[in-house]
Amino acid sequence: MSIILAAVAFALVGDLLRNTELDPNVGRIDRATQQLAKQDAEIQDLRAELNSFKRRVTDLEGKVKELAEAPRPEPVPPSSAVSPPPGEPVSPQSFSIDQFGGIAPPEETENMTEPMQLAKKRFNERVIRPTPAVLREVLGEPRSVYSTSCQPVTNPKLLRTLESRDIGHFRLTMIRPALDSLGQIMERLRKEEPDIYAAIGTAGALCARYVRGSTKSVSSHAWGAAVDLTLKKNLDRMGDDNTQFGLVVLAEFFNDAGWYWGAGYSREDSMHFEVGEALLRKWAAEGKL
């Protein structure tokens, strides 16, 4: 009996297998099942990507909110700002007029001689900032007595070299060859970076005074060999280790022309540009000073 039952079961299984092979619908079902499984896996992948994008959007919304709530820099007054009373220090947010009718710059602070790493690596390559000793050697002493307020230049030799001139959208007083060089830089900028050129203003140039916090260090502005620049009338915050993008572009133009960028100071001063030592000595050798 067991042998007979086994034979019958074997026959039934064989018949089922033959029917499966002959029925084309069975293969279609299998293929459809595989396709559904594949599509389900793809849907799961898309859901994972969507969740990832949602997290990124949430992060970006948080950053935008932080930026919107961050304090904005104070706008800088236009160059027609009223001069402070005699003897009163020049505020970083107000400018005085120099003895020639140009704009005098705001205060600098002491400890601004060593280059910071960021500016040292990318900018001011082969451009050396002239020390006050070098400026005295080439141009003489601007005046005999200083304070932390802007005062007139009295040295006759330096006075003969100074000139007030319109450069772009503003008027500056500097040594004559510096104005020539600055004019060339601005003309190149006008052609290659017109948007930045249109945004440039000045925070001043000539100003015979000490660097704030010092009774020995005379500012390079005292020789009319440096200029402070603004973008859209905004003064870049000194010493915050951040720089307006347009000033970075300007730095490349000034470095190419032999000027030193103030972001290289230990206390970053990105709005400040001054004539490099090699350029100054070249002008002296050519009799321009």
Protein backbone atom coordinates (compact mmCIF):
# COMPACT_ATOMS: atom_id res chain seq x y z
CA MET A 1 0.00 0.00 0.00
CA SER A 2 2.83 2.45 0.85
CA ILE A 3 4.47 1.73 -2.47
CA ILE A 4 1.22 2.37 -4.33
CA LEU A 5 0.58 5.66 -2.47
CA ALA A 6 4.12 6.85 -3.16
CA ALA A 7 3.70 6.09 -6.85
CA VAL A 8 0.43 8.05 -6.98
CA ALA A 9 1.97 11.04 -5.17
CA PHE A 10 4.94 11.01 -7.52
CA ALA A 11 2.62 11.00 -10.52
CA LEU A 12 0.58 13.93 -9.15
CA VAL A 13 3.69 16.06 -8.48
CA GLY A 14 5.03 15.31 -11.92
CA ASP A 15 1.73 16.31 -13.49
CA LEU A 16 1.73 19.64 -11.56
CA LEU A 17 5.26 20.44 -12.67
CA ARG A 18 4.36 19.71 -16.29
CA ASN A 19 1.31 21.99 -16.05
CA THR A 20 3.39 24.81 -14.60
CA GLU A 21 5.88 24.60 -17.42
CA LEU A 22 3.11 24.61 -19.99
CA ASP A 23 1.13 27.53 -18.41
CA PRO A 24 2.65 30.85 -19.61
CA ASN A 25 0.73 32.85 -16.99
CA VAL A 26 2.85 31.42 -14.19
CA GLY A 27 6.05 32.98 -15.67
CA ARG A 28 4.32 36.30 -16.17
CA ILE A 29 3.28 36.38 -12.53
CA ASP A 30 6.85 35.73 -11.44
CA ARG A 31 8.19 38.52 -13.66
CA ALA A 32 5.51 40.92 -12.46
CA THR A 33 6.36 40.07 -8.86
CA GLN A 34 10.04 40.80 -9.51
CA GLN A 35 9.23 44.11 -11.19
CA LEU A 36 7.02 45.15 -8.28
CA ALA A 37 9.78 44.29 -5.84
CA LYS A 38 12.27 46.35 -7.87
CA GLN A 39 9.91 49.33 -8.06
CA ASP A 40 9.27 49.12 -4.33
CA ALA A 41 13.03 49.28 -3.68
CA GLU A 42 13.33 52.32 -5.97
CA ILE A 43 10.46 54.03 -4.12
CA GLN A 44 12.21 53.43 -0.81
CA ASP A 45 15.42 54.99 -2.21
CA LEU A 46 13.48 58.04 -3.45
CA ARG A 47 11.84 58.43 -0.05
CA ALA A 48 15.25 58.37 1.62
CA GLU A 49 16.56 61.06 -0.78
CA LEU A 50 13.44 63.17 -0.17
CA ASN A 51 13.94 62.97 3.59
CA SER A 52 17.57 64.00 3.12
CA PHE A 53 16.52 67.04 1.06
CA LYS A 54 13.95 67.97 3.70
CA ARG A 55 16.66 67.95 6.38
CA ARG A 56 18.89 70.17 4.21
CA VAL A 57 16.07 72.63 3.61
CA THR A 58 15.42 72.77 7.36
CA ASP A 59 19.12 73.47 8.02
CA LEU A 60 19.18 76.21 5.37
CA GLU A 61 16.05 77.82 6.79
CA GLY A 62 17.75 77.91 10.19
CA LYS A 63 20.87 79.57 8.75
CA VAL A 64 18.80 82.13 6.84
CA LYS A 65 16.97 82.97 10.05
CA GLU A 66 20.30 83.42 11.90
CA LEU A 67 21.61 85.74 9.17
CA ALA A 68 18.41 87.76 9.19
CA GLU A 69 18.65 88.23 12.96
CA ALA A 70 22.40 89.03 12.93
CA PRO A 71 23.36 92.70 13.54
CA ARG A 72 24.06 94.66 10.37
CA PRO A 73 27.07 96.99 10.02
CA GLU A 74 26.34 100.66 10.57
CA PRO A 75 26.18 102.65 7.31
CA VAL A 76 29.07 105.02 6.73
CA PRO A 77 28.17 108.69 6.21
CA PRO A 78 28.96 110.20 2.81
CA SER A 79 32.14 112.18 2.24
CA SER A 80 30.34 115.45 2.96
CA ALA A 81 30.16 114.61 6.70
CA VAL A 82 30.87 117.54 9.00
CA SER A 83 34.36 117.65 10.53
CA PRO A 84 34.60 117.02 14.29
CA PRO A 85 35.56 119.91 16.58
CA PRO A 86 39.33 120.68 16.79
CA GLY A 87 41.15 118.32 19.11
CA GLU A 88 38.36 115.72 19.14
CA PRO A 89 39.42 112.21 18.00
CA VAL A 90 38.07 111.10 14.64
CA SER A 91 35.31 108.54 15.13
CA PRO A 92 35.48 105.36 12.98
CA GLN A 93 32.01 106.29 11.72
CA SER A 94 32.70 109.94 10.80
CA PHE A 95 35.31 111.58 8.62
CA SER A 96 37.07 114.91 8.69
CA ILE A 97 38.39 117.00 5.81
CA ASP A 98 42.15 117.32 5.32
CA GLN A 99 43.98 120.59 4.70
CA PHE A 100 43.57 120.17 0.93
CA GLY A 101 39.86 119.39 0.87
CA GLY A 102 40.16 115.59 0.64
CA ILE A 103 38.69 113.05 3.06
CA ALA A 104 40.74 112.09 6.12
CA PRO A 105 40.47 108.45 7.31
CA PRO A 106 39.10 107.09 10.60
CA GLU A 107 41.35 105.95 13.42
CA GLU A 108 43.66 102.96 13.29
CA THR A 109 44.64 100.97 16.36
CA GLU A 110 48.04 100.01 17.67
CA ASN A 111 49.60 96.57 17.05
CA MET A 112 49.16 96.41 13.28
CA THR A 113 52.52 95.25 11.96
CA GLU A 114 52.67 91.47 11.72
CA PRO A 115 50.87 89.71 8.83
CA MET A 116 48.12 87.24 9.74
CA GLN A 117 48.36 83.79 8.19
CA LEU A 118 45.40 84.03 5.79
CA ALA A 119 46.55 87.21 4.07
CA LYS A 120 50.18 86.08 4.21
CA LYS A 121 49.44 82.92 2.24
CA ARG A 122 47.31 84.41 -0.51
CA PHE A 123 48.00 88.15 -0.68
CA ASN A 124 50.85 90.64 -0.34
CA GLU A 125 53.35 88.26 -1.91
CA ARG A 126 56.57 90.14 -2.65
CA VAL A 127 54.91 93.37 -1.42
CA ILE A 128 56.50 94.77 1.74
CA ARG A 129 54.76 97.39 3.83
CA PRO A 130 57.01 100.46 4.32
CA THR A 131 57.74 101.11 7.99
CA PRO A 132 57.51 104.66 9.38
CA ALA A 133 61.33 104.71 9.33
CA VAL A 134 61.34 104.01 5.58
CA LEU A 135 58.66 106.65 4.98
CA ARG A 136 60.71 109.21 6.93
CA GLU A 137 63.81 108.28 4.96
CA VAL A 138 62.10 108.73 1.59
CA LEU A 139 59.57 111.50 2.30
CA GLY A 140 60.72 113.18 5.50
CA GLU A 141 58.80 113.83 8.73
CA PRO A 142 55.25 115.10 7.98
CA ARG A 143 55.20 117.40 11.03
CA SER A 144 57.08 117.88 14.31
CA VAL A 145 54.23 117.17 16.77
CA TYR A 146 51.42 114.58 16.55
CA SER A 147 48.27 113.60 18.39
CA THR A 148 45.56 111.00 17.71
CA SER A 149 43.63 113.60 15.68
CA CYS A 150 44.33 114.53 12.07
CA GLN A 151 46.55 117.60 11.77
CA PRO A 152 48.01 119.47 8.77
CA VAL A 153 51.27 118.38 7.15
CA THR A 154 53.94 121.09 7.65
CA ASN A 155 57.04 119.57 6.00
CA PRO A 156 57.70 121.77 2.88
CA LYS A 157 59.23 118.89 0.90
CA LEU A 158 56.25 116.62 1.52
CA LEU A 159 53.81 119.47 0.89
CA ARG A 160 55.26 119.93 -2.60
CA THR A 161 54.62 116.24 -3.32
CA LEU A 162 51.01 116.18 -2.06
CA GLU A 163 48.06 116.80 -4.33
CA SER A 164 44.29 116.62 -4.02
CA ARG A 165 42.55 114.97 -6.98
CA ASP A 166 39.24 113.38 -8.00
CA ILE A 167 39.66 109.62 -8.34
CA GLY A 168 36.58 107.85 -9.63
CA HIS A 169 33.66 108.98 -7.46
CA PHE A 170 35.65 110.68 -4.68
CA ARG A 171 38.36 113.22 -3.91
CA LEU A 172 41.63 112.28 -2.18
CA THR A 173 44.85 113.91 -1.05
CA MET A 174 47.97 111.76 -1.46
CA ILE A 175 51.52 111.95 -2.78
CA ARG A 176 51.30 112.62 -6.51
CA PRO A 177 52.64 109.29 -7.88
CA ALA A 178 50.30 107.40 -5.53
CA LEU A 179 47.35 109.24 -7.08
CA ASP A 180 48.66 108.34 -10.55
CA SER A 181 48.94 104.68 -9.58
CA LEU A 182 45.54 104.68 -7.89
CA GLY A 183 43.98 106.19 -11.00
CA GLN A 184 45.44 103.37 -13.11
CA ILE A 185 44.10 100.74 -10.69
CA MET A 186 40.63 102.29 -10.79
CA GLU A 187 40.64 102.44 -14.59
CA ARG A 188 41.53 98.75 -14.79
CA LEU A 189 38.81 97.99 -12.25
CA ARG A 190 36.27 100.02 -14.24
CA LYS A 191 36.95 97.86 -17.29
CA GLU A 192 37.21 94.44 -15.61
CA GLU A 193 34.94 94.74 -12.56
CA PRO A 194 32.43 97.54 -13.29
CA ASP A 195 30.04 96.56 -10.48
CA ILE A 196 32.75 96.81 -7.83
CA TYR A 197 34.07 100.02 -9.40
CA ALA A 198 30.60 101.56 -9.16
CA ALA A 199 30.35 100.62 -5.45
CA ILE A 200 33.72 102.04 -4.35
CA GLY A 201 33.92 105.06 -2.07
CA THR A 202 36.57 106.35 0.28
CA ALA A 203 37.05 106.61 4.01
CA GLY A 204 40.02 108.95 3.50
CA ALA A 205 43.73 109.16 2.75
CA LEU A 206 45.90 111.98 4.18
CA CYS A 207 45.88 112.31 7.97
CA ALA A 208 48.97 113.28 10.03
CA ARG A 209 48.42 111.57 13.40
CA TYR A 210 49.49 108.76 15.67
CA VAL A 211 47.91 105.33 15.41
CA ARG A 212 45.30 105.23 18.17
CA GLY A 213 46.71 103.75 21.36
CA SER A 214 50.27 104.83 20.60
CA THR A 215 52.43 107.87 21.26
CA LYS A 216 55.22 106.70 18.94
CA SER A 217 53.75 104.93 15.91
CA VAL A 218 52.78 107.43 13.20
CA SER A 219 50.13 106.29 10.72
CA SER A 220 51.16 105.76 7.10
CA HIS A 221 48.25 108.08 6.28
CA ALA A 222 50.42 110.92 7.62
CA TRP A 223 52.57 110.72 4.46
CA GLY A 224 49.63 110.49 2.07
CA ALA A 225 50.79 107.01 1.09
CA ALA A 226 47.68 105.07 2.14
CA VAL A 227 43.96 105.07 1.39
CA ASP A 228 40.91 103.53 3.06
CA LEU A 229 38.14 102.37 0.72
CA THR A 230 34.46 101.59 1.26
CA LEU A 231 31.90 99.56 -0.71
CA LYS A 232 28.41 101.01 -1.06
CA LYS A 233 29.36 103.47 1.70
CA ASN A 234 29.88 100.57 4.16
CA LEU A 235 33.09 100.57 6.16
CA ASP A 236 34.55 97.08 6.65
CA ARG A 237 34.79 96.32 10.36
CA MET A 238 38.40 96.43 11.51
CA GLY A 239 39.79 93.45 13.39
CA ASP A 240 36.90 91.02 12.93
CA ASP A 241 38.92 88.74 10.58
CA ASN A 242 36.14 89.05 7.99
CA THR A 243 36.35 90.90 4.70
CA GLN A 244 33.85 92.19 2.18
CA PHE A 245 34.14 90.18 -1.04
CA GLY A 246 34.76 93.28 -3.16
CA LEU A 247 37.80 94.17 -1.03
CA VAL A 248 39.31 90.75 -1.78
CA VAL A 249 38.98 91.50 -5.49
CA LEU A 250 40.48 94.95 -4.92
CA ALA A 251 43.41 93.40 -3.08
CA GLU A 252 44.45 91.49 -6.20
CA PHE A 253 44.40 94.68 -8.27
CA PHE A 254 46.36 96.65 -5.65
CA ASN A 255 48.91 93.87 -5.12
CA ASP A 256 49.49 93.69 -8.86
CA ALA A 257 50.27 97.43 -8.81
CA GLY A 258 52.71 97.10 -5.88
CA TRP A 259 50.39 98.18 -3.03
CA TYR A 260 50.11 96.44 0.34
CA TRP A 261 46.70 95.25 1.63
CA GLY A 262 45.86 95.97 5.28
CA ALA A 263 44.31 92.53 5.81
CA GLY A 264 47.91 91.48 6.38
CA TYR A 265 48.09 93.36 9.69
CA SER A 266 47.88 91.38 12.93
CA ARG A 267 44.63 93.27 13.51
CA GLU A 268 42.96 92.90 10.12
CA ASP A 269 42.22 96.22 8.39
CA SER A 270 40.78 95.15 5.05
CA MET A 271 39.68 98.60 3.89
CA HIS A 272 43.29 99.87 4.08
CA PHE A 273 45.67 99.92 1.08
CA GLU A 274 49.12 101.52 1.11
CA VAL A 275 52.04 101.97 -1.25
CA GLY A 276 54.56 99.10 -0.99
CA GLU A 277 58.17 99.84 -0.09
CA ALA A 278 59.59 98.76 -3.47
CA LEU A 279 57.14 101.01 -5.33
CA LEU A 280 57.94 103.95 -3.04
CA ARG A 281 61.70 103.57 -3.56
CA LYS A 282 61.15 103.22 -7.33
CA TRP A 283 59.32 106.55 -7.42
CA ALA A 284 62.10 108.15 -5.40
CA ALA A 285 64.74 106.79 -7.82
CA GLU A 286 62.75 108.20 -10.75
CA GLY A 287 62.62 111.65 -9.15
CA LYS A 288 58.85 111.59 -8.66
CA LEU A 289 59.11 112.42 -4.97
